[in-house]
Amino acid sequence: MTENRRHERYAMSLEVEVSHVESGKTTLSTKDISDGGIFLYMPNQLRPAIGTVMHLKLRGLLAGEEPPTVKVKVVRTTDEGIGLQFIPED
């Protein structure tokens, strides 16, 4: 299978907090990250539908500082989890 990626992916395990109006907040782990998005492991959970917009915050990276929250959109789902695309702020 040929992959047509715009951004190179980097395998990285980070803890993130994902929040959504309907489902609340949950803490998940990343599989990989790129300039365009992030993949989160989401085993044994009900995955949000493609197109769902949520907020994501990286945890534990900045000592003493509150990490920024970014807007993301679900663009794919797999048996492992969900692929999220970063949405630029207006």
PDB file of N, CA and C in Angstrom:
ATOM      1  N   MET A   1       0.843  -1.180   0.000  1.00  0.00           N
ATOM      2  CA  MET A   1       0.000   0.000   0.000  1.00  0.00           C
ATOM      3  C   MET A   1       0.887   1.242   0.000  1.00  0.00           C
ATOM      4  N   THR A   2       0.617   2.182  -0.884  1.00  0.00           N
ATOM      5  CA  THR A   2       1.370   3.422  -0.975  1.00  0.00           C
ATOM      6  C   THR A   2       0.737   4.460  -0.057  1.00  0.00           C
ATOM      7  N   GLU A   3       1.583   5.156   0.713  1.00  0.00           N
ATOM      8  CA  GLU A   3       1.091   6.200   1.598  1.00  0.00           C
ATOM      9  C   GLU A   3       1.435   7.557   1.007  1.00  0.00           C
ATOM     10  N   ASN A   4       0.458   8.429   0.940  1.00  0.00           N
ATOM     11  CA  ASN A   4       0.656   9.790   0.430  1.00  0.00           C
ATOM     12  C   ASN A   4       0.577  10.766   1.596  1.00  0.00           C
ATOM     13  N   ARG A   5       1.617  10.862   2.351  1.00  0.00           N
ATOM     14  CA  ARG A   5       1.646  11.710   3.534  1.00  0.00           C
ATOM     15  C   ARG A   5       2.241  13.069   3.220  1.00  0.00           C
ATOM     16  N   ARG A   6       1.670  14.103   3.789  1.00  0.00           N
ATOM     17  CA  ARG A   6       2.191  15.449   3.625  1.00  0.00           C
ATOM     18  C   ARG A   6       3.287  15.741   4.640  1.00  0.00           C
ATOM     19  N   HIS A   7       3.219  15.091   5.798  1.00  0.00           N
ATOM     20  CA  HIS A   7       4.158  15.353   6.883  1.00  0.00           C
ATOM     21  C   HIS A   7       4.761  14.041   7.381  1.00  0.00           C
ATOM     22  N   GLU A   8       6.039  14.072   7.680  1.00  0.00           N
ATOM     23  CA  GLU A   8       6.699  12.892   8.217  1.00  0.00           C
ATOM     24  C   GLU A   8       6.204  12.638   9.636  1.00  0.00           C
ATOM     25  N   ARG A   9       5.973  11.368   9.947  1.00  0.00           N
ATOM     26  CA  ARG A   9       5.519  10.981  11.282  1.00  0.00           C
ATOM     27  C   ARG A   9       6.709  10.590  12.143  1.00  0.00           C
ATOM     28  N   TYR A  10       6.594  10.889  13.422  1.00  0.00           N
ATOM     29  CA  TYR A  10       7.632  10.527  14.386  1.00  0.00           C
ATOM     30  C   TYR A  10       6.995   9.709  15.498  1.00  0.00           C
ATOM     31  N   ALA A  11       7.488   8.483  15.698  1.00  0.00           N
ATOM     32  CA  ALA A  11       6.988   7.648  16.781  1.00  0.00           C
ATOM     33  C   ALA A  11       7.316   8.331  18.099  1.00  0.00           C
ATOM     34  N   MET A  12       6.296   8.516  18.924  1.00  0.00           N
ATOM     35  CA  MET A  12       6.500   9.239  20.168  1.00  0.00           C
ATOM     36  C   MET A  12       5.390   8.864  21.146  1.00  0.00           C
ATOM     37  N   SER A  13       5.784   8.498  22.348  1.00  0.00           N
ATOM     38  CA  SER A  13       4.811   8.152  23.370  1.00  0.00           C
ATOM     39  C   SER A  13       4.714   9.290  24.377  1.00  0.00           C
ATOM     40  N   LEU A  14       3.598  10.006  24.311  1.00  0.00           N
ATOM     41  CA  LEU A  14       3.327  11.114  25.217  1.00  0.00           C
ATOM     42  C   LEU A  14       1.941  10.920  25.819  1.00  0.00           C
ATOM     43  N   GLU A  15       1.727  11.509  26.966  1.00  0.00           N
ATOM     44  CA  GLU A  15       0.403  11.505  27.574  1.00  0.00           C
ATOM     45  C   GLU A  15      -0.312  12.777  27.147  1.00  0.00           C
ATOM     46  N   VAL A  16      -1.567  12.633  26.702  1.00  0.00           N
ATOM     47  CA  VAL A  16      -2.354  13.787  26.294  1.00  0.00           C
ATOM     48  C   VAL A  16      -3.729  13.738  26.953  1.00  0.00           C
ATOM     49  N   GLU A  17      -4.307  14.903  27.103  1.00  0.00           N
ATOM     50  CA  GLU A  17      -5.674  15.008  27.602  1.00  0.00           C
ATOM     51  C   GLU A  17      -6.540  15.457  26.434  1.00  0.00           C
ATOM     52  N   VAL A  18      -7.591  14.701  26.171  1.00  0.00           N
ATOM     53  CA  VAL A  18      -8.515  15.021  25.092  1.00  0.00           C
ATOM     54  C   VAL A  18      -9.848  15.381  25.727  1.00  0.00           C
ATOM     55  N   SER A  19     -10.432  16.484  25.266  1.00  0.00           N
ATOM     56  CA  SER A  19     -11.737  16.876  25.809  1.00  0.00           C
ATOM     57  C   SER A  19     -12.724  17.143  24.681  1.00  0.00           C
ATOM     58  N   HIS A  20     -13.964  16.766  24.965  1.00  0.00           N
ATOM     59  CA  HIS A  20     -15.058  16.931  24.010  1.00  0.00           C
ATOM     60  C   HIS A  20     -16.299  17.297  24.812  1.00  0.00           C
ATOM     61  N   VAL A  21     -17.127  18.153  24.244  1.00  0.00           N
ATOM     62  CA  VAL A  21     -18.323  18.637  24.929  1.00  0.00           C
ATOM     63  C   VAL A  21     -19.197  17.485  25.425  1.00  0.00           C
ATOM     64  N   GLU A  22     -19.416  16.481  24.591  1.00  0.00           N
ATOM     65  CA  GLU A  22     -20.322  15.386  24.936  1.00  0.00           C
ATOM     66  C   GLU A  22     -19.681  14.310  25.806  1.00  0.00           C
ATOM     67  N   SER A  23     -18.413  13.976  25.559  1.00  0.00           N
ATOM     68  CA  SER A  23     -17.793  12.851  26.269  1.00  0.00           C
ATOM     69  C   SER A  23     -16.891  13.270  27.421  1.00  0.00           C
ATOM     70  N   GLY A  24     -16.642  14.561  27.602  1.00  0.00           N
ATOM     71  CA  GLY A  24     -15.806  15.026  28.702  1.00  0.00           C
ATOM     72  C   GLY A  24     -14.326  14.860  28.405  1.00  0.00           C
ATOM     73  N   LYS A  25     -13.522  14.730  29.484  1.00  0.00           N
ATOM     74  CA  LYS A  25     -12.064  14.631  29.346  1.00  0.00           C
ATOM     75  C   LYS A  25     -11.603  13.201  29.561  1.00  0.00           C
ATOM     76  N   THR A  26     -10.559  12.822  28.811  1.00  0.00           N
ATOM     77  CA  THR A  26      -9.929  11.524  28.994  1.00  0.00           C
ATOM     78  C   THR A  26      -8.436  11.660  28.697  1.00  0.00           C
ATOM     79  N   THR A  27      -7.624  10.838  29.352  1.00  0.00           N
ATOM     80  CA  THR A  27      -6.183  10.846  29.142  1.00  0.00           C
ATOM     81  C   THR A  27      -5.811   9.641  28.293  1.00  0.00           C
ATOM     82  N   LEU A  28      -5.059   9.892  27.214  1.00  0.00           N
ATOM     83  CA  LEU A  28      -4.645   8.849  26.282  1.00  0.00           C
ATOM     84  C   LEU A  28      -3.157   8.971  25.999  1.00  0.00           C
ATOM     85  N   SER A  29      -2.602   7.988  25.291  1.00  0.00           N
ATOM     86  CA  SER A  29      -1.193   8.004  24.893  1.00  0.00           C
ATOM     87  C   SER A  29      -1.077   8.116  23.384  1.00  0.00           C
ATOM     88  N   THR A  30      -0.008   8.775  22.950  1.00  0.00           N
ATOM     89  CA  THR A  30       0.226   8.930  21.514  1.00  0.00           C
ATOM     90  C   THR A  30       0.994   7.736  20.962  1.00  0.00           C
ATOM     91  N   LYS A  31       0.772   7.477  19.691  1.00  0.00           N
ATOM     92  CA  LYS A  31       1.564   6.500  18.944  1.00  0.00           C
ATOM     93  C   LYS A  31       2.610   7.246  18.129  1.00  0.00           C
ATOM     94  N   ASP A  32       2.143   8.304  17.442  1.00  0.00           N
ATOM     95  CA  ASP A  32       3.054   9.124  16.645  1.00  0.00           C
ATOM     96  C   ASP A  32       2.489  10.525  16.494  1.00  0.00           C
ATOM     97  N   ILE A  33       3.354  11.412  16.001  1.00  0.00           N
ATOM     98  CA  ILE A  33       2.985  12.814  15.835  1.00  0.00           C
ATOM     99  C   ILE A  33       3.683  13.352  14.593  1.00  0.00           C
ATOM    100  N   SER A  34       3.043  14.326  13.944  1.00  0.00           N
ATOM    101  CA  SER A  34       3.636  14.996  12.772  1.00  0.00           C
ATOM    102  C   SER A  34       3.241  16.465  12.838  1.00  0.00           C
ATOM    103  N   ASP A  35       3.691  17.238  11.875  1.00  0.00           N
ATOM    104  CA  ASP A  35       3.307  18.646  11.819  1.00  0.00           C
ATOM    105  C   ASP A  35       1.809  18.804  11.550  1.00  0.00           C
ATOM    106  N   GLY A  36       1.185  17.789  10.969  1.00  0.00           N
ATOM    107  CA  GLY A  36      -0.221  17.897  10.603  1.00  0.00           C
ATOM    108  C   GLY A  36      -1.199  17.243  11.555  1.00  0.00           C
ATOM    109  N   GLY A  37      -0.705  16.363  12.430  1.00  0.00           N
ATOM    110  CA  GLY A  37      -1.636  15.678  13.312  1.00  0.00           C
ATOM    111  C   GLY A  37      -0.965  14.727  14.269  1.00  0.00           C
ATOM    112  N   ILE A  38      -1.791  13.891  14.877  1.00  0.00           N
ATOM    113  CA  ILE A  38      -1.327  13.003  15.936  1.00  0.00           C
ATOM    114  C   ILE A  38      -2.212  11.755  15.940  1.00  0.00           C
ATOM    115  N   PHE A  39      -1.628  10.604  16.278  1.00  0.00           N
ATOM    116  CA  PHE A  39      -2.399   9.371  16.408  1.00  0.00           C
ATOM    117  C   PHE A  39      -2.422   8.987  17.871  1.00  0.00           C
ATOM    118  N   LEU A  40      -3.615   8.700  18.395  1.00  0.00           N
ATOM    119  CA  LEU A  40      -3.771   8.332  19.797  1.00  0.00           C
ATOM    120  C   LEU A  40      -4.257   6.891  19.921  1.00  0.00           C
ATOM    121  N   TYR A  41      -3.613   6.140  20.820  1.00  0.00           N
ATOM    122  CA  TYR A  41      -4.118   4.805  21.147  1.00  0.00           C
ATOM    123  C   TYR A  41      -5.433   4.993  21.888  1.00  0.00           C
ATOM    124  N   MET A  42      -6.439   4.233  21.476  1.00  0.00           N
ATOM    125  CA  MET A  42      -7.737   4.305  22.133  1.00  0.00           C
ATOM    126  C   MET A  42      -8.338   2.905  22.148  1.00  0.00           C
ATOM    127  N   PRO A  43      -7.695   1.985  22.881  1.00  0.00           N
ATOM    128  CA  PRO A  43      -8.193   0.607  22.909  1.00  0.00           C
ATOM    129  C   PRO A  43      -9.436   0.465  23.782  1.00  0.00           C
ATOM    130  N   ASN A  44     -10.300  -0.440  23.361  1.00  0.00           N
ATOM    131  CA  ASN A  44     -11.469  -0.817  24.149  1.00  0.00           C
ATOM    132  C   ASN A  44     -12.342   0.354  24.565  1.00  0.00           C
ATOM    133  N   GLN A  45     -12.375   1.382  23.753  1.00  0.00           N
ATOM    134  CA  GLN A  45     -13.230   2.525  24.050  1.00  0.00           C
ATOM    135  C   GLN A  45     -14.067   2.839  22.828  1.00  0.00           C
ATOM    136  N   LEU A  46     -15.176   3.483  23.055  1.00  0.00           N
ATOM    137  CA  LEU A  46     -15.998   3.943  21.951  1.00  0.00           C
ATOM    138  C   LEU A  46     -15.285   5.116  21.297  1.00  0.00           C
ATOM    139  N   ARG A  47     -14.935   4.965  20.050  1.00  0.00           N
ATOM    140  CA  ARG A  47     -14.185   6.000  19.342  1.00  0.00           C
ATOM    141  C   ARG A  47     -15.135   7.047  18.769  1.00  0.00           C
ATOM    142  N   PRO A  48     -14.737   8.320  18.818  1.00  0.00           N
ATOM    143  CA  PRO A  48     -15.578   9.353  18.222  1.00  0.00           C
ATOM    144  C   PRO A  48     -15.641   9.194  16.706  1.00  0.00           C
ATOM    145  N   ALA A  49     -16.700   9.687  16.122  1.00  0.00           N
ATOM    146  CA  ALA A  49     -16.904   9.576  14.683  1.00  0.00           C
ATOM    147  C   ALA A  49     -15.922  10.466  13.920  1.00  0.00           C
ATOM    148  N   ILE A  50     -15.618  10.062  12.696  1.00  0.00           N
ATOM    149  CA  ILE A  50     -14.789  10.887  11.822  1.00  0.00           C
ATOM    150  C   ILE A  50     -15.486  12.240  11.655  1.00  0.00           C
ATOM    151  N   GLY A  51     -14.702  13.301  11.753  1.00  0.00           N
ATOM    152  CA  GLY A  51     -15.241  14.654  11.662  1.00  0.00           C
ATOM    153  C   GLY A  51     -15.472  15.314  13.011  1.00  0.00           C
ATOM    154  N   THR A  52     -15.435  14.526  14.095  1.00  0.00           N
ATOM    155  CA  THR A  52     -15.622  15.079  15.439  1.00  0.00           C
ATOM    156  C   THR A  52     -14.483  16.033  15.779  1.00  0.00           C
ATOM    157  N   VAL A  53     -14.820  17.214  16.275  1.00  0.00           N
ATOM    158  CA  VAL A  53     -13.821  18.204  16.681  1.00  0.00           C
ATOM    159  C   VAL A  53     -13.684  18.150  18.192  1.00  0.00           C
ATOM    160  N   MET A  54     -12.428  18.116  18.659  1.00  0.00           N
ATOM    161  CA  MET A  54     -12.128  18.027  20.083  1.00  0.00           C
ATOM    162  C   MET A  54     -10.975  18.970  20.406  1.00  0.00           C
ATOM    163  N   HIS A  55     -10.609  19.018  21.677  1.00  0.00           N
ATOM    164  CA  HIS A  55      -9.447  19.787  22.116  1.00  0.00           C
ATOM    165  C   HIS A  55      -8.441  18.827  22.738  1.00  0.00           C
ATOM    166  N   LEU A  56      -7.172  19.077  22.486  1.00  0.00           N
ATOM    167  CA  LEU A  56      -6.098  18.204  22.932  1.00  0.00           C
ATOM    168  C   LEU A  56      -5.030  19.030  23.643  1.00  0.00           C
ATOM    169  N   LYS A  57      -4.537  18.485  24.768  1.00  0.00           N
ATOM    170  CA  LYS A  57      -3.481  19.154  25.515  1.00  0.00           C
ATOM    171  C   LYS A  57      -2.395  18.141  25.857  1.00  0.00           C
ATOM    172  N   LEU A  58      -1.148  18.422  25.455  1.00  0.00           N
ATOM    173  CA  LEU A  58      -0.016  17.572  25.818  1.00  0.00           C
ATOM    174  C   LEU A  58       0.223  17.734  27.314  1.00  0.00           C
ATOM    175  N   ARG A  59       0.603  16.656  27.985  1.00  0.00           N
ATOM    176  CA  ARG A  59       0.815  16.728  29.427  1.00  0.00           C
ATOM    177  C   ARG A  59       2.252  16.375  29.765  1.00  0.00           C
ATOM    178  N   GLY A  60       2.765  17.021  30.792  1.00  0.00           N
ATOM    179  CA  GLY A  60       4.065  16.667  31.337  1.00  0.00           C
ATOM    180  C   GLY A  60       5.272  17.130  30.553  1.00  0.00           C
ATOM    181  N   LEU A  61       5.102  18.048  29.594  1.00  0.00           N
ATOM    182  CA  LEU A  61       6.240  18.493  28.800  1.00  0.00           C
ATOM    183  C   LEU A  61       6.892  19.760  29.347  1.00  0.00           C
ATOM    184  N   LEU A  62       6.087  20.687  29.806  1.00  0.00           N
ATOM    185  CA  LEU A  62       6.597  21.973  30.250  1.00  0.00           C
ATOM    186  C   LEU A  62       6.518  22.068  31.768  1.00  0.00           C
ATOM    187  N   ALA A  63       7.646  21.994  32.425  1.00  0.00           N
ATOM    188  CA  ALA A  63       7.672  22.038  33.886  1.00  0.00           C
ATOM    189  C   ALA A  63       7.160  23.386  34.379  1.00  0.00           C
ATOM    190  N   GLY A  64       6.099  23.357  35.164  1.00  0.00           N
ATOM    191  CA  GLY A  64       5.573  24.561  35.770  1.00  0.00           C
ATOM    192  C   GLY A  64       4.712  25.424  34.874  1.00  0.00           C
ATOM    193  N   GLU A  65       4.633  25.114  33.588  1.00  0.00           N
ATOM    194  CA  GLU A  65       3.818  25.909  32.668  1.00  0.00           C
ATOM    195  C   GLU A  65       2.631  25.088  32.185  1.00  0.00           C
ATOM    196  N   GLU A  66       1.533  25.764  31.988  1.00  0.00           N
ATOM    197  CA  GLU A  66       0.346  25.109  31.455  1.00  0.00           C
ATOM    198  C   GLU A  66       0.530  24.915  29.945  1.00  0.00           C
ATOM    199  N   PRO A  67       0.466  23.685  29.462  1.00  0.00           N
ATOM    200  CA  PRO A  67       0.636  23.471  28.016  1.00  0.00           C
ATOM    201  C   PRO A  67      -0.552  24.029  27.241  1.00  0.00           C
ATOM    202  N   PRO A  68      -0.313  24.430  26.000  1.00  0.00           N
ATOM    203  CA  PRO A  68      -1.413  24.965  25.196  1.00  0.00           C
ATOM    204  C   PRO A  68      -2.411  23.866  24.825  1.00  0.00           C
ATOM    205  N   THR A  69      -3.641  24.283  24.589  1.00  0.00           N
ATOM    206  CA  THR A  69      -4.682  23.386  24.103  1.00  0.00           C
ATOM    207  C   THR A  69      -4.866  23.666  22.617  1.00  0.00           C
ATOM    208  N   VAL A  70      -4.903  22.596  21.822  1.00  0.00           N
ATOM    209  CA  VAL A  70      -5.074  22.760  20.383  1.00  0.00           C
ATOM    210  C   VAL A  70      -6.358  22.070  19.944  1.00  0.00           C
ATOM    211  N   LYS A  71      -6.961  22.602  18.886  1.00  0.00           N
ATOM    212  CA  LYS A  71      -8.176  22.027  18.329  1.00  0.00           C
ATOM    213  C   LYS A  71      -7.760  20.944  17.338  1.00  0.00           C
ATOM    214  N   VAL A  72      -8.446  19.794  17.386  1.00  0.00           N
ATOM    215  CA  VAL A  72      -8.161  18.670  16.494  1.00  0.00           C
ATOM    216  C   VAL A  72      -9.465  18.104  15.950  1.00  0.00           C
ATOM    217  N   LYS A  73      -9.331  17.405  14.817  1.00  0.00           N
ATOM    218  CA  LYS A  73     -10.490  16.762  14.194  1.00  0.00           C
ATOM    219  C   LYS A  73     -10.144  15.312  13.896  1.00  0.00           C
ATOM    220  N   VAL A  74     -11.058  14.404  14.205  1.00  0.00           N
ATOM    221  CA  VAL A  74     -10.866  12.984  13.903  1.00  0.00           C
ATOM    222  C   VAL A  74     -10.932  12.800  12.394  1.00  0.00           C
ATOM    223  N   VAL A  75      -9.844  12.239  11.816  1.00  0.00           N
ATOM    224  CA  VAL A  75      -9.807  12.019  10.371  1.00  0.00           C
ATOM    225  C   VAL A  75      -9.742  10.541  10.000  1.00  0.00           C
ATOM    226  N   ARG A  76      -9.427   9.680  10.981  1.00  0.00           N
ATOM    227  CA  ARG A  76      -9.461   8.237  10.714  1.00  0.00           C
ATOM    228  C   ARG A  76      -9.537   7.472  12.023  1.00  0.00           C
ATOM    229  N   THR A  77     -10.061   6.252  11.938  1.00  0.00           N
ATOM    230  CA  THR A  77     -10.107   5.364  13.085  1.00  0.00           C
ATOM    231  C   THR A  77      -9.561   4.007  12.658  1.00  0.00           C
ATOM    232  N   THR A  78      -8.926   3.312  13.589  1.00  0.00           N
ATOM    233  CA  THR A  78      -8.413   1.960  13.348  1.00  0.00           C
ATOM    234  C   THR A  78      -8.725   1.118  14.576  1.00  0.00           C
ATOM    235  N   ASP A  79      -8.326  -0.139  14.547  1.00  0.00           N
ATOM    236  CA  ASP A  79      -8.502  -0.987  15.722  1.00  0.00           C
ATOM    237  C   ASP A  79      -7.652  -0.509  16.894  1.00  0.00           C
ATOM    238  N   GLU A  80      -6.553   0.219  16.594  1.00  0.00           N
ATOM    239  CA  GLU A  80      -5.656   0.725  17.644  1.00  0.00           C
ATOM    240  C   GLU A  80      -6.135   2.018  18.285  1.00  0.00           C
ATOM    241  N   GLY A  81      -6.768   2.888  17.477  1.00  0.00           N
ATOM    242  CA  GLY A  81      -7.142   4.185  18.013  1.00  0.00           C
ATOM    243  C   GLY A  81      -7.643   5.146  16.955  1.00  0.00           C
ATOM    244  N   ILE A  82      -7.280   6.446  17.130  1.00  0.00           N
ATOM    245  CA  ILE A  82      -7.797   7.481  16.245  1.00  0.00           C
ATOM    246  C   ILE A  82      -6.683   8.384  15.723  1.00  0.00           C
ATOM    247  N   GLY A  83      -6.831   8.806  14.471  1.00  0.00           N
ATOM    248  CA  GLY A  83      -5.929   9.767  13.861  1.00  0.00           C
ATOM    249  C   GLY A  83      -6.586  11.138  13.893  1.00  0.00           C
ATOM    250  N   LEU A  84      -5.866  12.121  14.413  1.00  0.00           N
ATOM    251  CA  LEU A  84      -6.391  13.476  14.560  1.00  0.00           C
ATOM    252  C   LEU A  84      -5.587  14.453  13.726  1.00  0.00           C
ATOM    253  N   GLN A  85      -6.273  15.378  13.088  1.00  0.00           N
ATOM    254  CA  GLN A  85      -5.627  16.438  12.315  1.00  0.00           C
ATOM    255  C   GLN A  85      -5.687  17.722  13.143  1.00  0.00           C
ATOM    256  N   PHE A  86      -4.549  18.435  13.222  1.00  0.00           N
ATOM    257  CA  PHE A  86      -4.535  19.719  13.909  1.00  0.00           C
ATOM    258  C   PHE A  86      -5.334  20.732  13.103  1.00  0.00           C
ATOM    259  N   ILE A  87      -6.158  21.535  13.778  1.00  0.00           N
ATOM    260  CA  ILE A  87      -6.953  22.573  13.137  1.00  0.00           C
ATOM    261  C   ILE A  87      -6.357  23.917  13.540  1.00  0.00           C
ATOM    262  N   PRO A  88      -5.922  24.713  12.572  1.00  0.00           N
ATOM    263  CA  PRO A  88      -5.354  26.027  12.921  1.00  0.00           C
ATOM    264  C   PRO A  88      -6.399  26.915  13.589  1.00  0.00           C
ATOM    265  N   GLU A  89      -5.946  27.698  14.565  1.00  0.00           N
ATOM    266  CA  GLU A  89      -6.842  28.648  15.223  1.00  0.00           C
ATOM    267  C   GLU A  89      -7.110  29.803  14.287  1.00  0.00           C
ATOM    268  N   ASP A  90      -8.327  30.313  14.337  1.00  0.00           N
ATOM    269  CA  ASP A  90      -8.719  31.442  13.480  1.00  0.00           C
ATOM    270  C   ASP A  90      -8.072  32.723  13.931  1.00  0.00           C
TER     271      ASP A  90
END
